[in-house]
Amino acid sequence: MLKKQNKKEKITIEKFLSFKPVRENFEWYKTDEKLVRIVVPKFKGTLGKKFCKIMGKQDTFTANLDKIGSMVWENCDGSHTVKDILDILEKEFPKEENLLNRLIIFLQQMKRLKYISY
């Protein structure tokens, strides 16, 4: 009998750079300033949505991305690798520091929130 692994497999930077992030099925749009706004449902089930309707509240909220996050989001289309996205960011924002670290943290957070998948 095989034992289950309790520890998560550690991923190298090289492996992570080869991932192709894909946006989940959220409504989103760009502002006049070319910043991305993601419309996120507050609830997945109908009960929460009905409660919001009864209370006269919105059943969504808007996640407002900055210029770097917006560019990352637009390129999370399943055809760009993380490395491709990093190259785009380095070209568009040559004076920004720690772009690799910022990109990794941003993508991890987006994955944890289930806004993207790999």
PDB file of N, CA and C in Angstrom:
ATOM      1  N   MET A   1       0.833  -1.172   0.000  1.00  0.00           N
ATOM      2  CA  MET A   1       0.000   0.000   0.000  1.00  0.00           C
ATOM      3  C   MET A   1       0.892   1.254   0.000  1.00  0.00           C
ATOM      4  N   LEU A   2       0.530   2.267  -0.843  1.00  0.00           N
ATOM      5  CA  LEU A   2       1.296   3.497  -0.930  1.00  0.00           C
ATOM      6  C   LEU A   2       0.831   4.491   0.121  1.00  0.00           C
ATOM      7  N   LYS A   3       1.791   5.160   0.715  1.00  0.00           N
ATOM      8  CA  LYS A   3       1.457   6.206   1.681  1.00  0.00           C
ATOM      9  C   LYS A   3       1.126   7.492   0.942  1.00  0.00           C
ATOM     10  N   LYS A   4       0.152   8.213   1.459  1.00  0.00           N
ATOM     11  CA  LYS A   4      -0.171   9.518   0.897  1.00  0.00           C
ATOM     12  C   LYS A   4       0.899  10.507   1.317  1.00  0.00           C
ATOM     13  N   GLN A   5       1.244  11.411   0.382  1.00  0.00           N
ATOM     14  CA  GLN A   5       2.184  12.474   0.701  1.00  0.00           C
ATOM     15  C   GLN A   5       1.427  13.587   1.420  1.00  0.00           C
ATOM     16  N   ASN A   6       1.866  13.950   2.588  1.00  0.00           N
ATOM     17  CA  ASN A   6       1.233  15.044   3.326  1.00  0.00           C
ATOM     18  C   ASN A   6       1.820  16.393   2.965  1.00  0.00           C
ATOM     19  N   LYS A   7       3.041  16.377   2.499  1.00  0.00           N
ATOM     20  CA  LYS A   7       3.712  17.629   2.173  1.00  0.00           C
ATOM     21  C   LYS A   7       3.436  17.992   0.724  1.00  0.00           C
ATOM     22  N   LYS A   8       3.238  19.285   0.496  1.00  0.00           N
ATOM     23  CA  LYS A   8       3.049  19.754  -0.866  1.00  0.00           C
ATOM     24  C   LYS A   8       4.395  19.729  -1.577  1.00  0.00           C
ATOM     25  N   GLU A   9       4.331  19.379  -2.845  1.00  0.00           N
ATOM     26  CA  GLU A   9       5.542  19.364  -3.661  1.00  0.00           C
ATOM     27  C   GLU A   9       6.044  20.790  -3.829  1.00  0.00           C
ATOM     28  N   LYS A  10       7.344  20.992  -3.603  1.00  0.00           N
ATOM     29  CA  LYS A  10       7.926  22.312  -3.794  1.00  0.00           C
ATOM     30  C   LYS A  10       8.173  22.524  -5.280  1.00  0.00           C
ATOM     31  N   ILE A  11       7.821  23.688  -5.743  1.00  0.00           N
ATOM     32  CA  ILE A  11       7.957  24.015  -7.153  1.00  0.00           C
ATOM     33  C   ILE A  11       9.139  24.962  -7.321  1.00  0.00           C
ATOM     34  N   THR A  12      10.001  24.642  -8.269  1.00  0.00           N
ATOM     35  CA  THR A  12      11.146  25.502  -8.551  1.00  0.00           C
ATOM     36  C   THR A  12      10.688  26.729  -9.325  1.00  0.00           C
ATOM     37  N   ILE A  13      11.509  27.762  -9.304  1.00  0.00           N
ATOM     38  CA  ILE A  13      11.220  28.976 -10.072  1.00  0.00           C
ATOM     39  C   ILE A  13      11.114  28.636 -11.558  1.00  0.00           C
ATOM     40  N   GLU A  14      12.024  27.785 -12.026  1.00  0.00           N
ATOM     41  CA  GLU A  14      12.017  27.406 -13.444  1.00  0.00           C
ATOM     42  C   GLU A  14      10.695  26.741 -13.821  1.00  0.00           C
ATOM     43  N   LYS A  15      10.216  25.855 -12.964  1.00  0.00           N
ATOM     44  CA  LYS A  15       8.947  25.170 -13.215  1.00  0.00           C
ATOM     45  C   LYS A  15       7.790  26.179 -13.188  1.00  0.00           C
ATOM     46  N   PHE A  16       7.798  27.057 -12.187  1.00  0.00           N
ATOM     47  CA  PHE A  16       6.742  28.064 -12.059  1.00  0.00           C
ATOM     48  C   PHE A  16       6.698  28.963 -13.294  1.00  0.00           C
ATOM     49  N   LEU A  17       7.865  29.348 -13.804  1.00  0.00           N
ATOM     50  CA  LEU A  17       7.931  30.213 -14.976  1.00  0.00           C
ATOM     51  C   LEU A  17       7.334  29.554 -16.216  1.00  0.00           C
ATOM     52  N   SER A  18       7.232  28.233 -16.207  1.00  0.00           N
ATOM     53  CA  SER A  18       6.680  27.522 -17.362  1.00  0.00           C
ATOM     54  C   SER A  18       5.150  27.367 -17.284  1.00  0.00           C
ATOM     55  N   PHE A  19       4.557  27.681 -16.136  1.00  0.00           N
ATOM     56  CA  PHE A  19       3.105  27.577 -15.988  1.00  0.00           C
ATOM     57  C   PHE A  19       2.409  28.571 -16.914  1.00  0.00           C
ATOM     58  N   LYS A  20       1.207  28.200 -17.342  1.00  0.00           N
ATOM     59  CA  LYS A  20       0.385  29.077 -18.173  1.00  0.00           C
ATOM     60  C   LYS A  20      -0.895  29.423 -17.409  1.00  0.00           C
ATOM     61  N   PRO A  21      -0.890  30.568 -16.720  1.00  0.00           N
ATOM     62  CA  PRO A  21      -2.082  30.935 -15.947  1.00  0.00           C
ATOM     63  C   PRO A  21      -3.274  31.251 -16.851  1.00  0.00           C
ATOM     64  N   VAL A  22      -4.463  30.871 -16.371  1.00  0.00           N
ATOM     65  CA  VAL A  22      -5.704  31.081 -17.106  1.00  0.00           C
ATOM     66  C   VAL A  22      -6.710  31.760 -16.173  1.00  0.00           C
ATOM     67  N   ARG A  23      -7.297  32.846 -16.648  1.00  0.00           N
ATOM     68  CA  ARG A  23      -8.339  33.528 -15.877  1.00  0.00           C
ATOM     69  C   ARG A  23      -9.534  32.602 -15.723  1.00  0.00           C
ATOM     70  N   GLU A  24     -10.137  32.619 -14.544  1.00  0.00           N
ATOM     71  CA  GLU A  24     -11.392  31.896 -14.352  1.00  0.00           C
ATOM     72  C   GLU A  24     -12.509  32.731 -14.981  1.00  0.00           C
ATOM     73  N   ASN A  25     -13.687  32.193 -15.007  1.00  0.00           N
ATOM     74  CA  ASN A  25     -14.790  32.809 -15.735  1.00  0.00           C
ATOM     75  C   ASN A  25     -15.447  33.938 -14.932  1.00  0.00           C
ATOM     76  N   PHE A  26     -14.751  35.054 -14.833  1.00  0.00           N
ATOM     77  CA  PHE A  26     -15.270  36.240 -14.161  1.00  0.00           C
ATOM     78  C   PHE A  26     -15.550  37.306 -15.209  1.00  0.00           C
ATOM     79  N   GLU A  27     -16.597  38.072 -14.970  1.00  0.00           N
ATOM     80  CA  GLU A  27     -16.823  39.248 -15.800  1.00  0.00           C
ATOM     81  C   GLU A  27     -15.737  40.259 -15.443  1.00  0.00           C
ATOM     82  N   TRP A  28     -15.169  40.921 -16.439  1.00  0.00           N
ATOM     83  CA  TRP A  28     -14.173  41.957 -16.179  1.00  0.00           C
ATOM     84  C   TRP A  28     -14.175  42.969 -17.311  1.00  0.00           C
ATOM     85  N   TYR A  29     -13.645  44.128 -17.018  1.00  0.00           N
ATOM     86  CA  TYR A  29     -13.591  45.203 -18.016  1.00  0.00           C
ATOM     87  C   TYR A  29     -12.403  46.101 -17.704  1.00  0.00           C
ATOM     88  N   LYS A  30     -12.087  46.960 -18.674  1.00  0.00           N
ATOM     89  CA  LYS A  30     -11.001  47.921 -18.502  1.00  0.00           C
ATOM     90  C   LYS A  30     -11.577  49.328 -18.411  1.00  0.00           C
ATOM     91  N   THR A  31     -10.996  50.112 -17.543  1.00  0.00           N
ATOM     92  CA  THR A  31     -11.406  51.501 -17.404  1.00  0.00           C
ATOM     93  C   THR A  31     -10.760  52.335 -18.512  1.00  0.00           C
ATOM     94  N   ASP A  32     -11.116  53.600 -18.567  1.00  0.00           N
ATOM     95  CA  ASP A  32     -10.493  54.511 -19.531  1.00  0.00           C
ATOM     96  C   ASP A  32      -8.986  54.621 -19.297  1.00  0.00           C
ATOM     97  N   GLU A  33      -8.584  54.395 -18.053  1.00  0.00           N
ATOM     98  CA  GLU A  33      -7.156  54.448 -17.710  1.00  0.00           C
ATOM     99  C   GLU A  33      -6.454  53.114 -17.974  1.00  0.00           C
ATOM    100  N   LYS A  34      -7.172  52.178 -18.596  1.00  0.00           N
ATOM    101  CA  LYS A  34      -6.669  50.843 -18.939  1.00  0.00           C
ATOM    102  C   LYS A  34      -6.360  49.986 -17.715  1.00  0.00           C
ATOM    103  N   LEU A  35      -7.102  50.222 -16.635  1.00  0.00           N
ATOM    104  CA  LEU A  35      -6.984  49.403 -15.439  1.00  0.00           C
ATOM    105  C   LEU A  35      -8.120  48.383 -15.438  1.00  0.00           C
ATOM    106  N   VAL A  36      -7.813  47.172 -15.018  1.00  0.00           N
ATOM    107  CA  VAL A  36      -8.793  46.092 -15.025  1.00  0.00           C
ATOM    108  C   VAL A  36      -9.623  46.127 -13.752  1.00  0.00           C
ATOM    109  N   ARG A  37     -10.913  45.899 -13.932  1.00  0.00           N
ATOM    110  CA  ARG A  37     -11.864  45.744 -12.842  1.00  0.00           C
ATOM    111  C   ARG A  37     -12.501  44.368 -13.008  1.00  0.00           C
ATOM    112  N   ILE A  38     -12.421  43.531 -11.973  1.00  0.00           N
ATOM    113  CA  ILE A  38     -12.981  42.186 -12.022  1.00  0.00           C
ATOM    114  C   ILE A  38     -14.241  42.174 -11.164  1.00  0.00           C
ATOM    115  N   VAL A  39     -15.333  41.718 -11.744  1.00  0.00           N
ATOM    116  CA  VAL A  39     -16.607  41.629 -11.023  1.00  0.00           C
ATOM    117  C   VAL A  39     -16.668  40.233 -10.402  1.00  0.00           C
ATOM    118  N   VAL A  40     -16.644  40.206  -9.069  1.00  0.00           N
ATOM    119  CA  VAL A  40     -16.547  38.943  -8.331  1.00  0.00           C
ATOM    120  C   VAL A  40     -17.841  38.686  -7.561  1.00  0.00           C
ATOM    121  N   PRO A  41     -18.474  37.535  -7.775  1.00  0.00           N
ATOM    122  CA  PRO A  41     -19.671  37.208  -6.997  1.00  0.00           C
ATOM    123  C   PRO A  41     -19.321  37.028  -5.513  1.00  0.00           C
ATOM    124  N   LYS A  42     -20.179  37.525  -4.655  1.00  0.00           N
ATOM    125  CA  LYS A  42     -19.968  37.354  -3.221  1.00  0.00           C
ATOM    126  C   LYS A  42     -20.311  35.941  -2.774  1.00  0.00           C
ATOM    127  N   PHE A  43     -21.231  35.294  -3.507  1.00  0.00           N
ATOM    128  CA  PHE A  43     -21.696  33.959  -3.143  1.00  0.00           C
ATOM    129  C   PHE A  43     -21.742  33.088  -4.382  1.00  0.00           C
ATOM    130  N   LYS A  44     -21.520  31.797  -4.196  1.00  0.00           N
ATOM    131  CA  LYS A  44     -21.643  30.851  -5.302  1.00  0.00           C
ATOM    132  C   LYS A  44     -23.048  30.269  -5.372  1.00  0.00           C
ATOM    133  N   GLY A  45     -23.665  30.097  -4.230  1.00  0.00           N
ATOM    134  CA  GLY A  45     -25.005  29.497  -4.174  1.00  0.00           C
ATOM    135  C   GLY A  45     -26.098  30.524  -4.314  1.00  0.00           C
ATOM    136  N   THR A  46     -27.302  30.016  -4.530  1.00  0.00           N
ATOM    137  CA  THR A  46     -28.455  30.899  -4.725  1.00  0.00           C
ATOM    138  C   THR A  46     -28.940  31.529  -3.422  1.00  0.00           C
ATOM    139  N   LEU A  47     -28.702  30.874  -2.289  1.00  0.00           N
ATOM    140  CA  LEU A  47     -29.179  31.404  -1.018  1.00  0.00           C
ATOM    141  C   LEU A  47     -28.559  32.771  -0.721  1.00  0.00           C
ATOM    142  N   GLY A  48     -27.266  32.881  -0.865  1.00  0.00           N
ATOM    143  CA  GLY A  48     -26.589  34.152  -0.626  1.00  0.00           C
ATOM    144  C   GLY A  48     -27.038  35.234  -1.589  1.00  0.00           C
ATOM    145  N   LYS A  49     -27.225  34.851  -2.846  1.00  0.00           N
ATOM    146  CA  LYS A  49     -27.690  35.813  -3.847  1.00  0.00           C
ATOM    147  C   LYS A  49     -29.098  36.308  -3.507  1.00  0.00           C
ATOM    148  N   LYS A  50     -29.954  35.387  -3.076  1.00  0.00           N
ATOM    149  CA  LYS A  50     -31.315  35.773  -2.703  1.00  0.00           C
ATOM    150  C   LYS A  50     -31.303  36.689  -1.489  1.00  0.00           C
ATOM    151  N   PHE A  51     -30.449  36.383  -0.516  1.00  0.00           N
ATOM    152  CA  PHE A  51     -30.335  37.212   0.675  1.00  0.00           C
ATOM    153  C   PHE A  51     -29.930  38.637   0.296  1.00  0.00           C
ATOM    154  N   CYS A  52     -28.941  38.763  -0.605  1.00  0.00           N
ATOM    155  CA  CYS A  52     -28.521  40.093  -1.056  1.00  0.00           C
ATOM    156  C   CYS A  52     -29.671  40.841  -1.721  1.00  0.00           C
ATOM    157  N   LYS A  53     -30.429  40.126  -2.518  1.00  0.00           N
ATOM    158  CA  LYS A  53     -31.553  40.749  -3.214  1.00  0.00           C
ATOM    159  C   LYS A  53     -32.585  41.253  -2.211  1.00  0.00           C
ATOM    160  N   ILE A  54     -32.896  40.423  -1.213  1.00  0.00           N
ATOM    161  CA  ILE A  54     -33.866  40.806  -0.183  1.00  0.00           C
ATOM    162  C   ILE A  54     -33.380  42.040   0.575  1.00  0.00           C
ATOM    163  N   MET A  55     -32.069  42.061   0.866  1.00  0.00           N
ATOM    164  CA  MET A  55     -31.501  43.170   1.637  1.00  0.00           C
ATOM    165  C   MET A  55     -31.217  44.399   0.774  1.00  0.00           C
ATOM    166  N   GLY A  56     -31.407  44.266  -0.539  1.00  0.00           N
ATOM    167  CA  GLY A  56     -31.147  45.395  -1.432  1.00  0.00           C
ATOM    168  C   GLY A  56     -29.668  45.668  -1.618  1.00  0.00           C
ATOM    169  N   LYS A  57     -28.875  44.637  -1.467  1.00  0.00           N
ATOM    170  CA  LYS A  57     -27.419  44.770  -1.589  1.00  0.00           C
ATOM    171  C   LYS A  57     -26.944  44.111  -2.882  1.00  0.00           C
ATOM    172  N   GLN A  58     -25.800  44.543  -3.349  1.00  0.00           N
ATOM    173  CA  GLN A  58     -25.174  43.926  -4.521  1.00  0.00           C
ATOM    174  C   GLN A  58     -24.712  42.518  -4.163  1.00  0.00           C
ATOM    175  N   ASP A  59     -24.827  41.585  -5.099  1.00  0.00           N
ATOM    176  CA  ASP A  59     -24.326  40.231  -4.853  1.00  0.00           C
ATOM    177  C   ASP A  59     -22.948  40.022  -5.472  1.00  0.00           C
ATOM    178  N   THR A  60     -22.314  41.139  -5.882  1.00  0.00           N
ATOM    179  CA  THR A  60     -20.946  41.104  -6.406  1.00  0.00           C
ATOM    180  C   THR A  60     -20.150  42.234  -5.780  1.00  0.00           C
ATOM    181  N   PHE A  61     -18.838  42.136  -5.911  1.00  0.00           N
ATOM    182  CA  PHE A  61     -17.973  43.265  -5.587  1.00  0.00           C
ATOM    183  C   PHE A  61     -16.971  43.396  -6.717  1.00  0.00           C
ATOM    184  N   THR A  62     -16.306  44.523  -6.779  1.00  0.00           N
ATOM    185  CA  THR A  62     -15.352  44.771  -7.856  1.00  0.00           C
ATOM    186  C   THR A  62     -13.943  44.781  -7.297  1.00  0.00           C
ATOM    187  N   ALA A  63     -13.090  43.939  -7.877  1.00  0.00           N
ATOM    188  CA  ALA A  63     -11.664  43.922  -7.531  1.00  0.00           C
ATOM    189  C   ALA A  63     -10.961  44.864  -8.503  1.00  0.00           C
ATOM    190  N   ASN A  64     -10.323  45.897  -7.964  1.00  0.00           N
ATOM    191  CA  ASN A  64      -9.657  46.913  -8.770  1.00  0.00           C
ATOM    192  C   ASN A  64      -8.159  46.622  -8.831  1.00  0.00           C
ATOM    193  N   LEU A  65      -7.652  46.344 -10.028  1.00  0.00           N
ATOM    194  CA  LEU A  65      -6.236  46.035 -10.190  1.00  0.00           C
ATOM    195  C   LEU A  65      -5.448  47.276 -10.572  1.00  0.00           C
ATOM    196  N   ASP A  66      -4.187  47.318 -10.141  1.00  0.00           N
ATOM    197  CA  ASP A  66      -3.312  48.420 -10.527  1.00  0.00           C
ATOM    198  C   ASP A  66      -2.774  48.159 -11.933  1.00  0.00           C
ATOM    199  N   LYS A  67      -1.864  49.006 -12.406  1.00  0.00           N
ATOM    200  CA  LYS A  67      -1.385  48.892 -13.787  1.00  0.00           C
ATOM    201  C   LYS A  67      -0.637  47.579 -14.036  1.00  0.00           C
ATOM    202  N   ILE A  68       0.141  47.126 -13.057  1.00  0.00           N
ATOM    203  CA  ILE A  68       0.870  45.866 -13.234  1.00  0.00           C
ATOM    204  C   ILE A  68      -0.097  44.690 -13.153  1.00  0.00           C
ATOM    205  N   GLY A  69      -0.961  44.688 -12.146  1.00  0.00           N
ATOM    206  CA  GLY A  69      -1.937  43.621 -12.015  1.00  0.00           C
ATOM    207  C   GLY A  69      -2.846  43.530 -13.232  1.00  0.00           C
ATOM    208  N   SER A  70      -3.208  44.677 -13.795  1.00  0.00           N
ATOM    209  CA  SER A  70      -4.056  44.697 -14.984  1.00  0.00           C
ATOM    210  C   SER A  70      -3.359  44.033 -16.160  1.00  0.00           C
ATOM    211  N   MET A  71      -2.091  44.330 -16.340  1.00  0.00           N
ATOM    212  CA  MET A  71      -1.347  43.736 -17.447  1.00  0.00           C
ATOM    213  C   MET A  71      -1.201  42.221 -17.235  1.00  0.00           C
ATOM    214  N   VAL A  72      -0.964  41.818 -16.001  1.00  0.00           N
ATOM    215  CA  VAL A  72      -0.864  40.381 -15.713  1.00  0.00           C
ATOM    216  C   VAL A  72      -2.193  39.704 -16.015  1.00  0.00           C
ATOM    217  N   TRP A  73      -3.290  40.263 -15.511  1.00  0.00           N
ATOM    218  CA  TRP A  73      -4.619  39.687 -15.712  1.00  0.00           C
ATOM    219  C   TRP A  73      -4.921  39.502 -17.207  1.00  0.00           C
ATOM    220  N   GLU A  74      -4.648  40.526 -17.989  1.00  0.00           N
ATOM    221  CA  GLU A  74      -4.930  40.449 -19.422  1.00  0.00           C
ATOM    222  C   GLU A  74      -4.149  39.318 -20.092  1.00  0.00           C
ATOM    223  N   ASN A  75      -2.971  39.036 -19.582  1.00  0.00           N
ATOM    224  CA  ASN A  75      -2.120  38.014 -20.196  1.00  0.00           C
ATOM    225  C   ASN A  75      -2.294  36.628 -19.587  1.00  0.00           C
ATOM    226  N   CYS A  76      -3.172  36.498 -18.618  1.00  0.00           N
ATOM    227  CA  CYS A  76      -3.492  35.173 -18.052  1.00  0.00           C
ATOM    228  C   CYS A  76      -4.566  34.534 -18.932  1.00  0.00           C
ATOM    229  N   ASP A  77      -4.181  34.235 -20.160  1.00  0.00           N
ATOM    230  CA  ASP A  77      -5.131  33.738 -21.158  1.00  0.00           C
ATOM    231  C   ASP A  77      -4.867  32.291 -21.559  1.00  0.00           C
ATOM    232  N   GLY A  78      -3.930  31.645 -20.867  1.00  0.00           N
ATOM    233  CA  GLY A  78      -3.622  30.252 -21.173  1.00  0.00           C
ATOM    234  C   GLY A  78      -2.622  30.072 -22.287  1.00  0.00           C
ATOM    235  N   SER A  79      -2.283  31.146 -22.979  1.00  0.00           N
ATOM    236  CA  SER A  79      -1.286  31.033 -24.042  1.00  0.00           C
ATOM    237  C   SER A  79       0.070  31.593 -23.619  1.00  0.00           C
ATOM    238  N   HIS A  80       0.074  32.443 -22.606  1.00  0.00           N
ATOM    239  CA  HIS A  80       1.320  33.030 -22.103  1.00  0.00           C
ATOM    240  C   HIS A  80       1.805  32.264 -20.876  1.00  0.00           C
ATOM    241  N   THR A  81       3.095  31.977 -20.842  1.00  0.00           N
ATOM    242  CA  THR A  81       3.678  31.398 -19.634  1.00  0.00           C
ATOM    243  C   THR A  81       3.946  32.527 -18.644  1.00  0.00           C
ATOM    244  N   VAL A  82       4.240  32.161 -17.415  1.00  0.00           N
ATOM    245  CA  VAL A  82       4.615  33.159 -16.414  1.00  0.00           C
ATOM    246  C   VAL A  82       5.858  33.899 -16.898  1.00  0.00           C
ATOM    247  N   LYS A  83       6.783  33.197 -17.528  1.00  0.00           N
ATOM    248  CA  LYS A  83       7.996  33.829 -18.078  1.00  0.00           C
ATOM    249  C   LYS A  83       7.622  34.846 -19.148  1.00  0.00           C
ATOM    250  N   ASP A  84       6.684  34.508 -20.026  1.00  0.00           N
ATOM    251  CA  ASP A  84       6.228  35.461 -21.042  1.00  0.00           C
ATOM    252  C   ASP A  84       5.671  36.718 -20.383  1.00  0.00           C
ATOM    253  N   ILE A  85       4.876  36.521 -19.358  1.00  0.00           N
ATOM    254  CA  ILE A  85       4.262  37.654 -18.652  1.00  0.00           C
ATOM    255  C   ILE A  85       5.345  38.502 -17.989  1.00  0.00           C
ATOM    256  N   LEU A  86       6.335  37.851 -17.380  1.00  0.00           N
ATOM    257  CA  LEU A  86       7.448  38.579 -16.773  1.00  0.00           C
ATOM    258  C   LEU A  86       8.178  39.403 -17.821  1.00  0.00           C
ATOM    259  N   ASP A  87       8.426  38.834 -18.985  1.00  0.00           N
ATOM    260  CA  ASP A  87       9.104  39.569 -20.064  1.00  0.00           C
ATOM    261  C   ASP A  87       8.296  40.797 -20.487  1.00  0.00           C
ATOM    262  N   ILE A  88       6.977  40.642 -20.574  1.00  0.00           N
ATOM    263  CA  ILE A  88       6.095  41.755 -20.933  1.00  0.00           C
ATOM    264  C   ILE A  88       6.186  42.853 -19.876  1.00  0.00           C
ATOM    265  N   LEU A  89       6.140  42.450 -18.607  1.00  0.00           N
ATOM    266  CA  LEU A  89       6.216  43.435 -17.519  1.00  0.00           C
ATOM    267  C   LEU A  89       7.549  44.164 -17.532  1.00  0.00           C
ATOM    268  N   GLU A  90       8.634  43.435 -17.749  1.00  0.00           N
ATOM    269  CA  GLU A  90       9.961  44.058 -17.766  1.00  0.00           C
ATOM    270  C   GLU A  90      10.094  45.055 -18.912  1.00  0.00           C
ATOM    271  N   LYS A  91       9.444  44.765 -20.021  1.00  0.00           N
ATOM    272  CA  LYS A  91       9.466  45.681 -21.161  1.00  0.00           C
ATOM    273  C   LYS A  91       8.602  46.914 -20.891  1.00  0.00           C
ATOM    274  N   GLU A  92       7.410  46.701 -20.331  1.00  0.00           N
ATOM    275  CA  GLU A  92       6.463  47.795 -20.086  1.00  0.00           C
ATOM    276  C   GLU A  92       6.827  48.660 -18.879  1.00  0.00           C
ATOM    277  N   PHE A  93       7.470  48.061 -17.889  1.00  0.00           N
ATOM    278  CA  PHE A  93       7.795  48.767 -16.644  1.00  0.00           C
ATOM    279  C   PHE A  93       9.276  48.593 -16.303  1.00  0.00           C
ATOM    280  N   PRO A  94      10.164  49.124 -17.143  1.00  0.00           N
ATOM    281  CA  PRO A  94      11.601  48.875 -16.955  1.00  0.00           C
ATOM    282  C   PRO A  94      12.171  49.435 -15.650  1.00  0.00           C
ATOM    283  N   LYS A  95      11.515  50.418 -15.058  1.00  0.00           N
ATOM    284  CA  LYS A  95      12.036  51.031 -13.833  1.00  0.00           C
ATOM    285  C   LYS A  95      11.500  50.391 -12.561  1.00  0.00           C
ATOM    286  N   GLU A  96      10.518  49.503 -12.700  1.00  0.00           N
ATOM    287  CA  GLU A  96       9.943  48.827 -11.533  1.00  0.00           C
ATOM    288  C   GLU A  96      10.934  47.813 -10.976  1.00  0.00           C
ATOM    289  N   GLU A  97      11.010  47.760  -9.668  1.00  0.00           N
ATOM    290  CA  GLU A  97      11.915  46.816  -9.010  1.00  0.00           C
ATOM    291  C   GLU A  97      11.166  45.554  -8.583  1.00  0.00           C
ATOM    292  N   ASN A  98      11.897  44.469  -8.456  1.00  0.00           N
ATOM    293  CA  ASN A  98      11.381  43.191  -7.939  1.00  0.00           C
ATOM    294  C   ASN A  98      10.168  42.667  -8.704  1.00  0.00           C
ATOM    295  N   LEU A  99      10.166  42.818 -10.018  1.00  0.00           N
ATOM    296  CA  LEU A  99       9.011  42.377 -10.802  1.00  0.00           C
ATOM    297  C   LEU A  99       8.767  40.884 -10.682  1.00  0.00           C
ATOM    298  N   LEU A 100       9.823  40.083 -10.650  1.00  0.00           N
ATOM    299  CA  LEU A 100       9.629  38.633 -10.529  1.00  0.00           C
ATOM    300  C   LEU A 100       8.935  38.296  -9.217  1.00  0.00           C
ATOM    301  N   ASN A 101       9.425  38.842  -8.121  1.00  0.00           N
ATOM    302  CA  ASN A 101       8.807  38.576  -6.813  1.00  0.00           C
ATOM    303  C   ASN A 101       7.371  39.069  -6.769  1.00  0.00           C
ATOM    304  N   ARG A 102       7.139  40.253  -7.291  1.00  0.00           N
ATOM    305  CA  ARG A 102       5.787  40.810  -7.300  1.00  0.00           C
ATOM    306  C   ARG A 102       4.848  39.950  -8.130  1.00  0.00           C
ATOM    307  N   LEU A 103       5.344  39.479  -9.284  1.00  0.00           N
ATOM    308  CA  LEU A 103       4.532  38.637 -10.153  1.00  0.00           C
ATOM    309  C   LEU A 103       4.190  37.318  -9.471  1.00  0.00           C
ATOM    310  N   ILE A 104       5.170  36.697  -8.856  1.00  0.00           N
ATOM    311  CA  ILE A 104       4.931  35.418  -8.175  1.00  0.00           C
ATOM    312  C   ILE A 104       3.908  35.584  -7.060  1.00  0.00           C
ATOM    313  N   ILE A 105       4.080  36.600  -6.235  1.00  0.00           N
ATOM    314  CA  ILE A 105       3.151  36.831  -5.125  1.00  0.00           C
ATOM    315  C   ILE A 105       1.748  37.124  -5.654  1.00  0.00           C
ATOM    316  N   PHE A 106       1.661  37.951  -6.685  1.00  0.00           N
ATOM    317  CA  PHE A 106       0.357  38.291  -7.255  1.00  0.00           C
ATOM    318  C   PHE A 106      -0.331  37.048  -7.805  1.00  0.00           C
ATOM    319  N   LEU A 107       0.387  36.246  -8.571  1.00  0.00           N
ATOM    320  CA  LEU A 107      -0.216  35.039  -9.150  1.00  0.00           C
ATOM    321  C   LEU A 107      -0.621  34.044  -8.071  1.00  0.00           C
ATOM    322  N   GLN A 108       0.195  33.907  -7.029  1.00  0.00           N
ATOM    323  CA  GLN A 108      -0.170  33.007  -5.938  1.00  0.00           C
ATOM    324  C   GLN A 108      -1.447  33.470  -5.258  1.00  0.00           C
ATOM    325  N   GLN A 109      -1.565  34.770  -5.055  1.00  0.00           N
ATOM    326  CA  GLN A 109      -2.764  35.300  -4.420  1.00  0.00           C
ATOM    327  C   GLN A 109      -3.983  35.104  -5.325  1.00  0.00           C
ATOM    328  N   MET A 110      -3.825  35.361  -6.614  1.00  0.00           N
ATOM    329  CA  MET A 110      -4.930  35.170  -7.554  1.00  0.00           C
ATOM    330  C   MET A 110      -5.356  33.698  -7.608  1.00  0.00           C
ATOM    331  N   LYS A 111      -4.404  32.798  -7.498  1.00  0.00           N
ATOM    332  CA  LYS A 111      -4.708  31.356  -7.492  1.00  0.00           C
ATOM    333  C   LYS A 111      -5.443  30.991  -6.203  1.00  0.00           C
ATOM    334  N   ARG A 112      -4.953  31.506  -5.074  1.00  0.00           N
ATOM    335  CA  ARG A 112      -5.584  31.223  -3.782  1.00  0.00           C
ATOM    336  C   ARG A 112      -7.024  31.727  -3.747  1.00  0.00           C
ATOM    337  N   LEU A 113      -7.270  32.860  -4.379  1.00  0.00           N
ATOM    338  CA  LEU A 113      -8.626  33.423  -4.439  1.00  0.00           C
ATOM    339  C   LEU A 113      -9.481  32.751  -5.517  1.00  0.00           C
ATOM    340  N   LYS A 114      -8.862  31.859  -6.267  1.00  0.00           N
ATOM    341  CA  LYS A 114      -9.534  31.120  -7.359  1.00  0.00           C
ATOM    342  C   LYS A 114      -9.957  32.048  -8.489  1.00  0.00           C
ATOM    343  N   TYR A 115      -9.152  33.086  -8.743  1.00  0.00           N
ATOM    344  CA  TYR A 115      -9.378  33.976  -9.883  1.00  0.00           C
ATOM    345  C   TYR A 115      -8.675  33.416 -11.117  1.00  0.00           C
ATOM    346  N   ILE A 116      -7.609  32.620 -10.897  1.00  0.00           N
ATOM    347  CA  ILE A 116      -6.877  32.001 -12.014  1.00  0.00           C
ATOM    348  C   ILE A 116      -6.603  30.548 -11.671  1.00  0.00           C
ATOM    349  N   SER A 117      -6.219  29.789 -12.676  1.00  0.00           N
ATOM    350  CA  SER A 117      -5.738  28.421 -12.479  1.00  0.00           C
ATOM    351  C   SER A 117      -4.539  28.236 -13.401  1.00  0.00           C
ATOM    352  N   TYR A 118      -3.831  27.129 -13.227  1.00  0.00           N
ATOM    353  CA  TYR A 118      -2.677  26.822 -14.090  1.00  0.00           C
ATOM    354  C   TYR A 118      -2.971  25.559 -14.855  1.00  0.00           C
TER     355      TYR A 118
END
